[in-house]
Amino acid sequence: GTLIAADHLGRLLGGAGELDEAEALLRRAHEGLESGLGVGNHEVLIAASNLGMLLVRRGRPDEAEPLARKAWAGSCSSRGAQHRESLVFGMNLAAVLRELGQLDEAESLLREAFAGLGALLGEKHPDTLAAAGHLATLLLHLRRDLGEAEPLARQAWEGSLRHFGPEHPRSLQASTDLGLLLFERGRPSEAEPLLRAAQEGFSQTLGQSHPQALAAS
């Protein structure tokens, strides 16, 4: 119970930007749970994924990759590749692989996550919206299939507005992603209000010098 609580607290602190303390708690939770419960335990896999996602946020994808892969592979083995948790872990692994430049595997995982989560949860569920947004931004990064990417990015943006409201970080990120894609497609007049709204929202919530505010400016 104490280690699971440490894992939850680490996630909360990570979300609040307290990354040093968050990493220490998540590492303690993962190592302690693995020692006590074994590598394939459900709580161990969650802790591995949580630590991996924090490490990639901290610019250490080489450390994050084995943790994210362990969570995904372990869940696929125990629950099946089309289980909701396996698909979410696959989406998390794809985020790490993108940072490592392993883009083909990242795209495959995101396509599987988007299709699987859509079938299980529906197109409007936050997990499906996250997969749509990640796949759209990867396609933009690859400068490929932008005609496919635009409806995915729009789905993520519109769905995030409905679920979270316009000032939530997920909505602001979705607004940035759609704006950048529209700009890349040669439609700056459509992109400008989206990017402006995202830049102002991130500046108010995170400060003007935060990378997400700068990315939208």
N, C-alpha and C. Protein backbone atom coordinates (compact mmCIF):
# COMPACT_ATOMS: atom_id res chain seq x y z
N GLY A 1 0.81 -1.20 0.00
CA GLY A 1 0.00 0.00 0.00
C GLY A 1 0.85 1.26 0.00
N THR A 2 1.92 1.26 0.80
CA THR A 2 2.77 2.44 0.88
C THR A 2 3.46 2.71 -0.46
N LEU A 3 3.92 1.66 -1.12
CA LEU A 3 4.62 1.83 -2.39
C LEU A 3 3.66 2.28 -3.50
N ILE A 4 2.44 1.75 -3.48
CA ILE A 4 1.45 2.20 -4.47
C ILE A 4 1.10 3.65 -4.23
N ALA A 5 0.99 4.03 -2.95
CA ALA A 5 0.74 5.44 -2.64
C ALA A 5 1.89 6.32 -3.12
N ALA A 6 3.13 5.83 -2.98
CA ALA A 6 4.28 6.59 -3.47
C ALA A 6 4.22 6.76 -4.98
N ASP A 7 3.77 5.71 -5.68
CA ASP A 7 3.62 5.80 -7.13
C ASP A 7 2.58 6.86 -7.51
N HIS A 8 1.44 6.86 -6.83
CA HIS A 8 0.40 7.85 -7.12
C HIS A 8 0.89 9.26 -6.81
N LEU A 9 1.57 9.42 -5.67
CA LEU A 9 2.08 10.74 -5.30
C LEU A 9 3.13 11.21 -6.30
N GLY A 10 3.97 10.29 -6.76
CA GLY A 10 4.97 10.65 -7.77
C GLY A 10 4.34 11.15 -9.04
N ARG A 11 3.25 10.52 -9.46
CA ARG A 11 2.54 10.98 -10.66
C ARG A 11 1.98 12.39 -10.45
N LEU A 12 1.39 12.62 -9.28
CA LEU A 12 0.83 13.94 -9.00
C LEU A 12 1.92 15.01 -8.99
N LEU A 13 3.04 14.71 -8.36
CA LEU A 13 4.14 15.68 -8.31
C LEU A 13 4.71 15.93 -9.70
N GLY A 14 4.79 14.86 -10.51
CA GLY A 14 5.26 15.05 -11.87
C GLY A 14 4.36 15.98 -12.66
N GLY A 15 3.05 15.81 -12.48
CA GLY A 15 2.10 16.68 -13.15
C GLY A 15 2.20 18.11 -12.68
N ALA A 16 2.64 18.30 -11.43
CA ALA A 16 2.78 19.65 -10.88
C ALA A 16 4.15 20.26 -11.16
N GLY A 17 5.01 19.51 -11.85
CA GLY A 17 6.33 20.04 -12.20
C GLY A 17 7.42 19.78 -11.18
N GLU A 18 7.12 19.05 -10.10
CA GLU A 18 8.13 18.73 -9.08
C GLU A 18 8.86 17.46 -9.50
N LEU A 19 9.72 17.60 -10.50
CA LEU A 19 10.22 16.41 -11.19
C LEU A 19 11.27 15.65 -10.40
N ASP A 20 12.11 16.32 -9.64
CA ASP A 20 13.12 15.61 -8.86
C ASP A 20 12.47 14.72 -7.81
N GLU A 21 11.56 15.29 -7.05
CA GLU A 21 10.88 14.51 -6.01
C GLU A 21 10.02 13.42 -6.64
N ALA A 22 9.37 13.75 -7.76
CA ALA A 22 8.55 12.75 -8.45
C ALA A 22 9.38 11.57 -8.90
N GLU A 23 10.55 11.83 -9.47
CA GLU A 23 11.39 10.72 -9.94
C GLU A 23 11.82 9.84 -8.78
N ALA A 24 12.21 10.44 -7.68
CA ALA A 24 12.64 9.65 -6.52
C ALA A 24 11.52 8.75 -6.02
N LEU A 25 10.30 9.28 -5.95
CA LEU A 25 9.16 8.48 -5.48
C LEU A 25 8.80 7.38 -6.47
N LEU A 26 8.78 7.70 -7.75
CA LEU A 26 8.42 6.70 -8.75
C LEU A 26 9.47 5.60 -8.84
N ARG A 27 10.74 5.97 -8.69
CA ARG A 27 11.79 4.95 -8.72
C ARG A 27 11.70 4.05 -7.50
N ARG A 28 11.45 4.64 -6.34
CA ARG A 28 11.29 3.85 -5.11
C ARG A 28 10.10 2.90 -5.24
N ALA A 29 8.98 3.40 -5.78
CA ALA A 29 7.79 2.58 -5.93
C ALA A 29 8.05 1.42 -6.89
N HIS A 30 8.66 1.71 -8.04
CA HIS A 30 8.90 0.66 -9.02
C HIS A 30 9.83 -0.41 -8.49
N GLU A 31 10.94 0.00 -7.91
CA GLU A 31 11.91 -0.97 -7.42
C GLU A 31 11.34 -1.79 -6.27
N GLY A 32 10.61 -1.12 -5.35
CA GLY A 32 10.04 -1.84 -4.22
C GLY A 32 8.95 -2.80 -4.62
N LEU A 33 8.07 -2.38 -5.53
CA LEU A 33 7.00 -3.25 -5.98
C LEU A 33 7.56 -4.44 -6.76
N GLU A 34 8.55 -4.20 -7.60
CA GLU A 34 9.14 -5.30 -8.37
C GLU A 34 9.82 -6.30 -7.46
N SER A 35 10.50 -5.80 -6.44
CA SER A 35 11.16 -6.70 -5.50
C SER A 35 10.16 -7.54 -4.72
N GLY A 36 9.03 -6.93 -4.36
CA GLY A 36 8.07 -7.65 -3.53
C GLY A 36 7.07 -8.48 -4.30
N LEU A 37 6.73 -8.08 -5.54
CA LEU A 37 5.62 -8.71 -6.26
C LEU A 37 6.05 -9.46 -7.52
N GLY A 38 7.24 -9.16 -8.02
CA GLY A 38 7.70 -9.83 -9.24
C GLY A 38 7.52 -8.96 -10.46
N VAL A 39 8.30 -9.27 -11.50
CA VAL A 39 8.40 -8.41 -12.68
C VAL A 39 7.06 -8.24 -13.40
N GLY A 40 6.27 -9.30 -13.49
CA GLY A 40 5.06 -9.26 -14.30
C GLY A 40 3.82 -8.80 -13.58
N ASN A 41 3.92 -8.43 -12.30
CA ASN A 41 2.74 -8.01 -11.56
C ASN A 41 2.13 -6.74 -12.15
N HIS A 42 0.81 -6.66 -12.09
CA HIS A 42 0.08 -5.53 -12.68
C HIS A 42 0.55 -4.19 -12.12
N GLU A 43 0.69 -4.09 -10.81
CA GLU A 43 1.11 -2.83 -10.19
C GLU A 43 2.55 -2.48 -10.56
N VAL A 44 3.38 -3.49 -10.75
CA VAL A 44 4.77 -3.26 -11.17
C VAL A 44 4.81 -2.68 -12.57
N LEU A 45 3.96 -3.20 -13.46
CA LEU A 45 3.92 -2.69 -14.83
C LEU A 45 3.45 -1.24 -14.87
N ILE A 46 2.45 -0.91 -14.06
CA ILE A 46 1.99 0.48 -13.99
C ILE A 46 3.11 1.39 -13.49
N ALA A 47 3.81 0.94 -12.44
CA ALA A 47 4.91 1.74 -11.90
C ALA A 47 6.03 1.91 -12.91
N ALA A 48 6.32 0.86 -13.68
CA ALA A 48 7.36 0.95 -14.71
C ALA A 48 6.97 1.97 -15.77
N SER A 49 5.71 1.94 -16.20
CA SER A 49 5.26 2.88 -17.22
C SER A 49 5.29 4.31 -16.70
N ASN A 50 4.85 4.51 -15.46
CA ASN A 50 4.85 5.86 -14.88
C ASN A 50 6.26 6.43 -14.79
N LEU A 51 7.21 5.61 -14.34
CA LEU A 51 8.59 6.07 -14.25
C LEU A 51 9.15 6.34 -15.64
N GLY A 52 8.86 5.47 -16.59
CA GLY A 52 9.35 5.67 -17.95
C GLY A 52 8.84 6.97 -18.55
N MET A 53 7.57 7.28 -18.35
CA MET A 53 7.02 8.51 -18.93
C MET A 53 7.61 9.75 -18.27
N LEU A 54 7.91 9.68 -16.98
CA LEU A 54 8.57 10.82 -16.35
C LEU A 54 9.99 11.00 -16.91
N LEU A 55 10.70 9.91 -17.11
CA LEU A 55 12.06 10.01 -17.62
C LEU A 55 12.10 10.59 -19.03
N VAL A 56 11.13 10.23 -19.87
CA VAL A 56 11.13 10.81 -21.22
C VAL A 56 10.80 12.29 -21.15
N ARG A 57 9.95 12.68 -20.22
CA ARG A 57 9.69 14.12 -20.02
C ARG A 57 10.96 14.85 -19.60
N ARG A 58 11.83 14.16 -18.89
CA ARG A 58 13.07 14.78 -18.40
C ARG A 58 14.20 14.68 -19.42
N GLY A 59 13.87 14.24 -20.63
CA GLY A 59 14.88 14.19 -21.69
C GLY A 59 15.81 13.01 -21.61
N ARG A 60 15.34 11.89 -21.03
CA ARG A 60 16.17 10.69 -20.89
C ARG A 60 15.47 9.47 -21.49
N PRO A 61 15.19 9.52 -22.80
CA PRO A 61 14.45 8.41 -23.41
C PRO A 61 15.21 7.09 -23.40
N ASP A 62 16.55 7.12 -23.38
CA ASP A 62 17.31 5.87 -23.32
C ASP A 62 16.99 5.09 -22.05
N GLU A 63 16.82 5.81 -20.94
CA GLU A 63 16.45 5.17 -19.67
C GLU A 63 14.98 4.78 -19.67
N ALA A 64 14.17 5.57 -20.35
CA ALA A 64 12.73 5.33 -20.34
C ALA A 64 12.33 4.11 -21.16
N GLU A 65 13.05 3.86 -22.26
CA GLU A 65 12.61 2.83 -23.22
C GLU A 65 12.46 1.44 -22.61
N PRO A 66 13.43 0.91 -21.84
CA PRO A 66 13.22 -0.43 -21.30
C PRO A 66 12.06 -0.50 -20.31
N LEU A 67 11.81 0.57 -19.59
CA LEU A 67 10.69 0.58 -18.65
C LEU A 67 9.36 0.59 -19.40
N ALA A 68 9.25 1.47 -20.40
CA ALA A 68 8.01 1.54 -21.17
C ALA A 68 7.77 0.24 -21.93
N ARG A 69 8.83 -0.35 -22.45
CA ARG A 69 8.67 -1.60 -23.20
C ARG A 69 8.30 -2.75 -22.26
N LYS A 70 8.87 -2.76 -21.06
CA LYS A 70 8.52 -3.80 -20.10
C LYS A 70 7.04 -3.74 -19.74
N ALA A 71 6.53 -2.52 -19.54
CA ALA A 71 5.12 -2.36 -19.20
C ALA A 71 4.22 -2.85 -20.33
N TRP A 72 4.55 -2.46 -21.56
CA TRP A 72 3.73 -2.86 -22.71
C TRP A 72 3.79 -4.36 -22.94
N ALA A 73 4.99 -4.90 -23.00
CA ALA A 73 5.15 -6.34 -23.27
C ALA A 73 4.53 -7.18 -22.16
N GLY A 74 4.70 -6.76 -20.91
CA GLY A 74 4.13 -7.51 -19.79
C GLY A 74 2.61 -7.51 -19.82
N SER A 75 2.02 -6.36 -20.16
CA SER A 75 0.56 -6.28 -20.23
C SER A 75 0.03 -7.10 -21.41
N CYS A 76 0.72 -7.02 -22.56
CA CYS A 76 0.30 -7.84 -23.71
C CYS A 76 0.34 -9.32 -23.37
N SER A 77 1.36 -9.74 -22.63
CA SER A 77 1.51 -11.15 -22.28
C SER A 77 0.43 -11.61 -21.32
N SER A 78 0.10 -10.77 -20.33
CA SER A 78 -0.83 -11.19 -19.29
C SER A 78 -2.28 -10.87 -19.61
N ARG A 79 -2.53 -9.80 -20.37
CA ARG A 79 -3.91 -9.36 -20.59
C ARG A 79 -4.33 -9.38 -22.06
N GLY A 80 -3.35 -9.52 -22.94
CA GLY A 80 -3.65 -9.51 -24.36
C GLY A 80 -3.35 -8.16 -24.98
N ALA A 81 -2.96 -8.18 -26.25
CA ALA A 81 -2.52 -6.96 -26.92
C ALA A 81 -3.63 -5.95 -27.11
N GLN A 82 -4.91 -6.40 -27.12
CA GLN A 82 -6.02 -5.50 -27.35
C GLN A 82 -6.71 -5.05 -26.07
N HIS A 83 -6.14 -5.39 -24.92
CA HIS A 83 -6.67 -4.88 -23.65
C HIS A 83 -6.39 -3.38 -23.57
N ARG A 84 -7.31 -2.67 -22.94
CA ARG A 84 -7.16 -1.21 -22.85
C ARG A 84 -5.81 -0.81 -22.29
N GLU A 85 -5.39 -1.46 -21.22
CA GLU A 85 -4.12 -1.07 -20.60
C GLU A 85 -2.94 -1.34 -21.52
N SER A 86 -2.97 -2.45 -22.25
CA SER A 86 -1.89 -2.76 -23.19
C SER A 86 -1.81 -1.69 -24.27
N LEU A 87 -2.96 -1.24 -24.76
CA LEU A 87 -2.99 -0.22 -25.80
C LEU A 87 -2.46 1.12 -25.28
N VAL A 88 -2.80 1.47 -24.04
CA VAL A 88 -2.29 2.71 -23.45
C VAL A 88 -0.79 2.60 -23.22
N PHE A 89 -0.33 1.47 -22.73
CA PHE A 89 1.12 1.27 -22.56
C PHE A 89 1.83 1.33 -23.91
N GLY A 90 1.21 0.80 -24.96
CA GLY A 90 1.79 0.89 -26.29
C GLY A 90 1.90 2.33 -26.76
N MET A 91 0.87 3.13 -26.45
CA MET A 91 0.91 4.55 -26.78
C MET A 91 2.04 5.25 -26.04
N ASN A 92 2.23 4.90 -24.78
CA ASN A 92 3.33 5.48 -24.00
C ASN A 92 4.69 5.07 -24.57
N LEU A 93 4.83 3.81 -24.94
CA LEU A 93 6.09 3.36 -25.55
C LEU A 93 6.35 4.11 -26.84
N ALA A 94 5.31 4.36 -27.63
CA ALA A 94 5.47 5.09 -28.88
C ALA A 94 6.05 6.49 -28.64
N ALA A 95 5.62 7.14 -27.55
CA ALA A 95 6.15 8.47 -27.23
C ALA A 95 7.65 8.42 -26.97
N VAL A 96 8.09 7.34 -26.31
CA VAL A 96 9.52 7.18 -26.05
C VAL A 96 10.27 6.90 -27.36
N LEU A 97 9.73 6.01 -28.16
CA LEU A 97 10.38 5.64 -29.41
C LEU A 97 10.50 6.83 -30.36
N ARG A 98 9.51 7.70 -30.34
CA ARG A 98 9.61 8.90 -31.19
C ARG A 98 10.84 9.72 -30.79
N GLU A 99 11.06 9.87 -29.48
CA GLU A 99 12.22 10.63 -29.02
C GLU A 99 13.53 9.95 -29.41
N LEU A 100 13.50 8.64 -29.54
CA LEU A 100 14.70 7.88 -29.92
C LEU A 100 14.87 7.77 -31.43
N GLY A 101 13.92 8.30 -32.19
CA GLY A 101 14.01 8.23 -33.64
C GLY A 101 13.56 6.92 -34.24
N GLN A 102 12.91 6.06 -33.44
CA GLN A 102 12.42 4.77 -33.94
C GLN A 102 10.97 4.96 -34.40
N LEU A 103 10.83 5.63 -35.54
CA LEU A 103 9.53 6.17 -35.92
C LEU A 103 8.60 5.13 -36.53
N ASP A 104 9.14 4.13 -37.20
CA ASP A 104 8.27 3.11 -37.79
C ASP A 104 7.54 2.32 -36.71
N GLU A 105 8.27 1.91 -35.68
CA GLU A 105 7.62 1.17 -34.60
C GLU A 105 6.67 2.07 -33.84
N ALA A 106 7.04 3.34 -33.64
CA ALA A 106 6.16 4.28 -32.96
C ALA A 106 4.84 4.43 -33.72
N GLU A 107 4.93 4.57 -35.04
CA GLU A 107 3.71 4.73 -35.84
C GLU A 107 2.84 3.47 -35.75
N SER A 108 3.44 2.30 -35.83
CA SER A 108 2.68 1.06 -35.74
C SER A 108 1.94 0.95 -34.41
N LEU A 109 2.62 1.28 -33.34
CA LEU A 109 1.99 1.22 -32.01
C LEU A 109 0.85 2.23 -31.88
N LEU A 110 1.04 3.42 -32.43
CA LEU A 110 0.00 4.43 -32.33
C LEU A 110 -1.22 4.07 -33.18
N ARG A 111 -0.99 3.51 -34.33
CA ARG A 111 -2.13 3.08 -35.15
C ARG A 111 -2.91 1.98 -34.45
N GLU A 112 -2.19 1.05 -33.84
CA GLU A 112 -2.87 -0.03 -33.10
C GLU A 112 -3.63 0.54 -31.90
N ALA A 113 -3.02 1.49 -31.20
CA ALA A 113 -3.68 2.08 -30.04
C ALA A 113 -4.93 2.85 -30.45
N PHE A 114 -4.83 3.65 -31.51
CA PHE A 114 -5.98 4.44 -31.94
C PHE A 114 -7.14 3.53 -32.38
N ALA A 115 -6.84 2.53 -33.18
CA ALA A 115 -7.89 1.62 -33.63
C ALA A 115 -8.47 0.82 -32.47
N GLY A 116 -7.61 0.29 -31.62
CA GLY A 116 -8.07 -0.55 -30.52
C GLY A 116 -8.86 0.21 -29.48
N LEU A 117 -8.36 1.39 -29.09
CA LEU A 117 -9.07 2.19 -28.08
C LEU A 117 -10.38 2.72 -28.64
N GLY A 118 -10.38 3.08 -29.93
CA GLY A 118 -11.64 3.52 -30.53
C GLY A 118 -12.69 2.43 -30.51
N ALA A 119 -12.26 1.19 -30.81
CA ALA A 119 -13.20 0.07 -30.80
C ALA A 119 -13.70 -0.25 -29.39
N LEU A 120 -12.81 -0.15 -28.41
CA LEU A 120 -13.18 -0.50 -27.04
C LEU A 120 -13.98 0.60 -26.34
N LEU A 121 -13.57 1.84 -26.54
CA LEU A 121 -14.06 2.94 -25.71
C LEU A 121 -14.88 3.98 -26.48
N GLY A 122 -14.77 3.96 -27.80
CA GLY A 122 -15.44 4.96 -28.60
C GLY A 122 -14.51 6.09 -28.99
N GLU A 123 -14.86 6.78 -30.08
CA GLU A 123 -13.98 7.83 -30.62
C GLU A 123 -13.87 9.05 -29.72
N LYS A 124 -14.80 9.25 -28.79
CA LYS A 124 -14.81 10.46 -27.96
C LYS A 124 -14.16 10.26 -26.60
N HIS A 125 -13.69 9.06 -26.31
CA HIS A 125 -13.07 8.80 -25.01
C HIS A 125 -11.71 9.48 -24.93
N PRO A 126 -11.32 10.02 -23.77
CA PRO A 126 -10.02 10.71 -23.66
C PRO A 126 -8.83 9.86 -24.09
N ASP A 127 -8.84 8.55 -23.84
CA ASP A 127 -7.71 7.71 -24.26
C ASP A 127 -7.63 7.64 -25.79
N THR A 128 -8.78 7.52 -26.44
CA THR A 128 -8.81 7.50 -27.91
C THR A 128 -8.36 8.84 -28.46
N LEU A 129 -8.80 9.92 -27.83
CA LEU A 129 -8.39 11.26 -28.27
C LEU A 129 -6.88 11.44 -28.14
N ALA A 130 -6.31 10.92 -27.06
CA ALA A 130 -4.86 11.02 -26.87
C ALA A 130 -4.13 10.28 -27.99
N ALA A 131 -4.62 9.08 -28.33
CA ALA A 131 -3.99 8.32 -29.41
C ALA A 131 -4.11 9.05 -30.74
N ALA A 132 -5.27 9.66 -31.00
CA ALA A 132 -5.46 10.42 -32.23
C ALA A 132 -4.48 11.58 -32.30
N GLY A 133 -4.33 12.31 -31.20
CA GLY A 133 -3.41 13.44 -31.18
C GLY A 133 -1.96 13.03 -31.37
N HIS A 134 -1.55 11.95 -30.71
CA HIS A 134 -0.17 11.49 -30.84
C HIS A 134 0.12 11.02 -32.27
N LEU A 135 -0.84 10.31 -32.87
CA LEU A 135 -0.63 9.84 -34.23
C LEU A 135 -0.57 11.02 -35.20
N ALA A 136 -1.42 12.01 -35.01
CA ALA A 136 -1.41 13.19 -35.88
C ALA A 136 -0.07 13.92 -35.79
N THR A 137 0.46 14.10 -34.58
CA THR A 137 1.72 14.83 -34.43
C THR A 137 2.89 14.02 -34.99
N LEU A 138 2.82 12.69 -34.90
CA LEU A 138 3.88 11.88 -35.51
C LEU A 138 3.85 12.02 -37.03
N LEU A 139 2.67 11.98 -37.61
CA LEU A 139 2.56 12.14 -39.07
C LEU A 139 3.05 13.52 -39.49
N LEU A 140 2.77 14.54 -38.68
CA LEU A 140 3.28 15.87 -38.98
C LEU A 140 4.80 15.88 -38.90
N HIS A 141 5.34 15.24 -37.85
CA HIS A 141 6.79 15.16 -37.70
C HIS A 141 7.44 14.48 -38.90
N LEU A 142 6.78 13.46 -39.43
CA LEU A 142 7.29 12.73 -40.59
C LEU A 142 7.05 13.48 -41.89
N ARG A 143 6.23 14.57 -41.82
CA ARG A 143 5.84 15.32 -43.03
C ARG A 143 5.19 14.37 -44.04
N ARG A 144 4.30 13.53 -43.53
CA ARG A 144 3.70 12.50 -44.37
C ARG A 144 2.23 12.34 -44.01
N ASP A 145 1.41 12.11 -45.02
CA ASP A 145 -0.01 11.82 -44.80
C ASP A 145 -0.70 12.92 -44.00
N LEU A 146 -0.43 14.18 -44.36
CA LEU A 146 -1.03 15.28 -43.61
C LEU A 146 -2.54 15.34 -43.83
N GLY A 147 -3.01 14.83 -44.95
CA GLY A 147 -4.45 14.73 -45.16
C GLY A 147 -5.10 13.78 -44.17
N GLU A 148 -4.41 12.74 -43.78
CA GLU A 148 -4.89 11.83 -42.74
C GLU A 148 -4.72 12.45 -41.37
N ALA A 149 -3.63 13.20 -41.17
CA ALA A 149 -3.33 13.76 -39.86
C ALA A 149 -4.33 14.82 -39.44
N GLU A 150 -4.81 15.63 -40.39
CA GLU A 150 -5.68 16.74 -40.00
C GLU A 150 -6.96 16.30 -39.28
N PRO A 151 -7.73 15.34 -39.80
CA PRO A 151 -8.93 14.94 -39.05
C PRO A 151 -8.60 14.31 -37.69
N LEU A 152 -7.46 13.65 -37.59
CA LEU A 152 -7.05 13.10 -36.30
C LEU A 152 -6.77 14.24 -35.31
N ALA A 153 -6.03 15.25 -35.75
CA ALA A 153 -5.72 16.38 -34.88
C ALA A 153 -6.98 17.14 -34.51
N ARG A 154 -7.90 17.27 -35.46
CA ARG A 154 -9.16 17.98 -35.18
C ARG A 154 -10.01 17.18 -34.19
N GLN A 155 -10.03 15.87 -34.34
CA GLN A 155 -10.76 15.02 -33.40
C GLN A 155 -10.21 15.19 -31.99
N ALA A 156 -8.87 15.21 -31.86
CA ALA A 156 -8.26 15.37 -30.54
C ALA A 156 -8.58 16.74 -29.95
N TRP A 157 -8.55 17.78 -30.77
CA TRP A 157 -8.81 19.14 -30.30
C TRP A 157 -10.27 19.30 -29.87
N GLU A 158 -11.19 18.91 -30.74
CA GLU A 158 -12.60 19.08 -30.42
C GLU A 158 -13.00 18.24 -29.21
N GLY A 159 -12.49 17.01 -29.15
CA GLY A 159 -12.81 16.15 -28.02
C GLY A 159 -12.24 16.67 -26.71
N SER A 160 -11.03 17.20 -26.76
CA SER A 160 -10.42 17.75 -25.54
C SER A 160 -11.19 18.96 -25.04
N LEU A 161 -11.65 19.81 -25.96
CA LEU A 161 -12.47 20.95 -25.55
C LEU A 161 -13.73 20.48 -24.83
N ARG A 162 -14.36 19.44 -25.35
CA ARG A 162 -15.59 18.93 -24.73
C ARG A 162 -15.32 18.34 -23.35
N HIS A 163 -14.25 17.55 -23.25
CA HIS A 163 -13.99 16.82 -22.00
C HIS A 163 -13.35 17.68 -20.92
N PHE A 164 -12.43 18.55 -21.32
CA PHE A 164 -11.59 19.22 -20.34
C PHE A 164 -11.78 20.73 -20.26
N GLY A 165 -12.39 21.32 -21.29
CA GLY A 165 -12.52 22.77 -21.33
C GLY A 165 -11.34 23.41 -22.04
N PRO A 166 -11.50 24.67 -22.47
CA PRO A 166 -10.47 25.29 -23.33
C PRO A 166 -9.16 25.62 -22.64
N GLU A 167 -9.15 25.73 -21.31
CA GLU A 167 -7.92 26.13 -20.61
C GLU A 167 -7.11 24.95 -20.09
N HIS A 168 -7.61 23.75 -20.26
CA HIS A 168 -6.87 22.57 -19.77
C HIS A 168 -5.63 22.35 -20.63
N PRO A 169 -4.51 21.92 -20.02
CA PRO A 169 -3.29 21.68 -20.81
C PRO A 169 -3.49 20.75 -22.00
N ARG A 170 -4.34 19.73 -21.85
CA ARG A 170 -4.55 18.83 -22.99
C ARG A 170 -5.24 19.55 -24.15
N SER A 171 -6.18 20.44 -23.82
CA SER A 171 -6.86 21.20 -24.88
C SER A 171 -5.90 22.18 -25.53
N LEU A 172 -5.06 22.81 -24.72
CA LEU A 172 -4.10 23.76 -25.26
C LEU A 172 -3.07 23.06 -26.15
N GLN A 173 -2.63 21.88 -25.75
CA GLN A 173 -1.69 21.13 -26.57
C GLN A 173 -2.34 20.70 -27.87
N ALA A 174 -3.60 20.26 -27.79
CA ALA A 174 -4.31 19.86 -29.00
C ALA A 174 -4.50 21.05 -29.94
N SER A 175 -4.74 22.23 -29.37
CA SER A 175 -4.86 23.44 -30.18
C SER A 175 -3.54 23.75 -30.87
N THR A 176 -2.44 23.62 -30.15
CA THR A 176 -1.11 23.81 -30.75
C THR A 176 -0.88 22.83 -31.89
N ASP A 177 -1.18 21.56 -31.65
CA ASP A 177 -0.91 20.53 -32.65
C ASP A 177 -1.72 20.78 -33.93
N LEU A 178 -3.00 21.10 -33.77
CA LEU A 178 -3.83 21.36 -34.94
C LEU A 178 -3.38 22.62 -35.66
N GLY A 179 -3.02 23.66 -34.89
CA GLY A 179 -2.56 24.89 -35.50
C GLY A 179 -1.29 24.69 -36.32
N LEU A 180 -0.34 23.96 -35.77
CA LEU A 180 0.91 23.70 -36.50
C LEU A 180 0.65 22.89 -37.77
N LEU A 181 -0.28 21.94 -37.68
CA LEU A 181 -0.57 21.13 -38.85
C LEU A 181 -1.23 21.97 -39.95
N LEU A 182 -2.17 22.84 -39.55
CA LEU A 182 -2.82 23.70 -40.54
C LEU A 182 -1.83 24.66 -41.17
N PHE A 183 -0.89 25.17 -40.37
CA PHE A 183 0.14 26.05 -40.91
C PHE A 183 0.99 25.31 -41.93
N GLU A 184 1.34 24.07 -41.59
CA GLU A 184 2.16 23.26 -42.49
C GLU A 184 1.41 22.96 -43.79
N ARG A 185 0.09 22.90 -43.73
CA ARG A 185 -0.72 22.63 -44.91
C ARG A 185 -1.02 23.90 -45.71
N GLY A 186 -0.42 25.02 -45.32
CA GLY A 186 -0.58 26.24 -46.08
C GLY A 186 -1.84 27.01 -45.79
N ARG A 187 -2.35 26.90 -44.54
CA ARG A 187 -3.58 27.60 -44.15
C ARG A 187 -3.33 28.43 -42.89
N PRO A 188 -2.46 29.45 -43.00
CA PRO A 188 -2.08 30.22 -41.82
C PRO A 188 -3.24 30.98 -41.17
N SER A 189 -4.22 31.38 -41.95
CA SER A 189 -5.34 32.13 -41.37
C SER A 189 -6.17 31.25 -40.43
N GLU A 190 -6.23 29.94 -40.71
CA GLU A 190 -6.91 29.01 -39.80
C GLU A 190 -6.02 28.64 -38.62
N ALA A 191 -4.72 28.58 -38.86
CA ALA A 191 -3.78 28.19 -37.81
C ALA A 191 -3.62 29.27 -36.75
N GLU A 192 -3.64 30.53 -37.16
CA GLU A 192 -3.28 31.63 -36.26
C GLU A 192 -4.13 31.71 -34.99
N PRO A 193 -5.48 31.65 -35.07
CA PRO A 193 -6.26 31.74 -33.83
C PRO A 193 -6.04 30.56 -32.89
N LEU A 194 -5.78 29.39 -33.44
CA LEU A 194 -5.51 28.22 -32.60
C LEU A 194 -4.19 28.37 -31.87
N LEU A 195 -3.16 28.80 -32.58
CA LEU A 195 -1.84 28.96 -31.97
C LEU A 195 -1.85 30.11 -30.97
N ARG A 196 -2.57 31.18 -31.29
CA ARG A 196 -2.65 32.31 -30.36
C ARG A 196 -3.35 31.91 -29.06
N ALA A 197 -4.46 31.19 -29.19
CA ALA A 197 -5.18 30.75 -28.00
C ALA A 197 -4.32 29.83 -27.14
N ALA A 198 -3.58 28.93 -27.79
CA ALA A 198 -2.71 28.02 -27.05
C ALA A 198 -1.59 28.77 -26.36
N GLN A 199 -0.96 29.70 -27.06
CA GLN A 199 0.15 30.46 -26.49
C GLN A 199 -0.32 31.27 -25.28
N GLU A 200 -1.48 31.91 -25.40
CA GLU A 200 -2.00 32.70 -24.28
C GLU A 200 -2.37 31.81 -23.11
N GLY A 201 -2.99 30.66 -23.41
CA GLY A 201 -3.37 29.74 -22.34
C GLY A 201 -2.19 29.17 -21.60
N PHE A 202 -1.17 28.73 -22.33
CA PHE A 202 0.03 28.19 -21.68
C PHE A 202 0.77 29.28 -20.91
N SER A 203 0.81 30.49 -21.45
CA SER A 203 1.51 31.58 -20.76
C SER A 203 0.85 31.87 -19.42
N GLN A 204 -0.49 31.82 -19.38
CA GLN A 204 -1.20 32.10 -18.14
C GLN A 204 -1.02 31.00 -17.11
N THR A 205 -1.00 29.75 -17.58
CA THR A 205 -0.94 28.64 -16.64
C THR A 205 0.48 28.21 -16.30
N LEU A 206 1.42 28.36 -17.25
CA LEU A 206 2.77 27.83 -17.06
C LEU A 206 3.85 28.90 -17.08
N GLY A 207 3.52 30.10 -17.55
CA GLY A 207 4.53 31.15 -17.68
C GLY A 207 4.99 31.28 -19.12
N GLN A 208 5.35 32.51 -19.51
CA GLN A 208 5.68 32.78 -20.91
C GLN A 208 6.94 32.06 -21.39
N SER A 209 7.83 31.70 -20.46
CA SER A 209 9.09 31.06 -20.86
C SER A 209 9.00 29.54 -20.90
N HIS A 210 7.83 28.96 -20.55
CA HIS A 210 7.70 27.51 -20.57
C HIS A 210 7.77 27.01 -22.00
N PRO A 211 8.41 25.84 -22.25
CA PRO A 211 8.55 25.34 -23.61
C PRO A 211 7.23 25.19 -24.37
N GLN A 212 6.15 24.81 -23.67
CA GLN A 212 4.89 24.64 -24.38
C GLN A 212 4.32 26.00 -24.82
N ALA A 213 4.53 27.05 -24.01
CA ALA A 213 4.09 28.38 -24.41
C ALA A 213 4.92 28.86 -25.61
N LEU A 214 6.22 28.59 -25.59
CA LEU A 214 7.08 29.00 -26.68
C LEU A 214 6.77 28.24 -27.96
N ALA A 215 6.41 26.95 -27.84
CA ALA A 215 6.12 26.14 -29.01
C ALA A 215 4.89 26.64 -29.75
N ALA A 216 3.96 27.22 -29.01
CA ALA A 216 2.73 27.70 -29.64
C ALA A 216 2.85 29.13 -30.15
N SER A 217 3.98 29.79 -29.87
CA SER A 217 4.10 31.21 -30.23
C SER A 217 4.69 31.35 -31.63
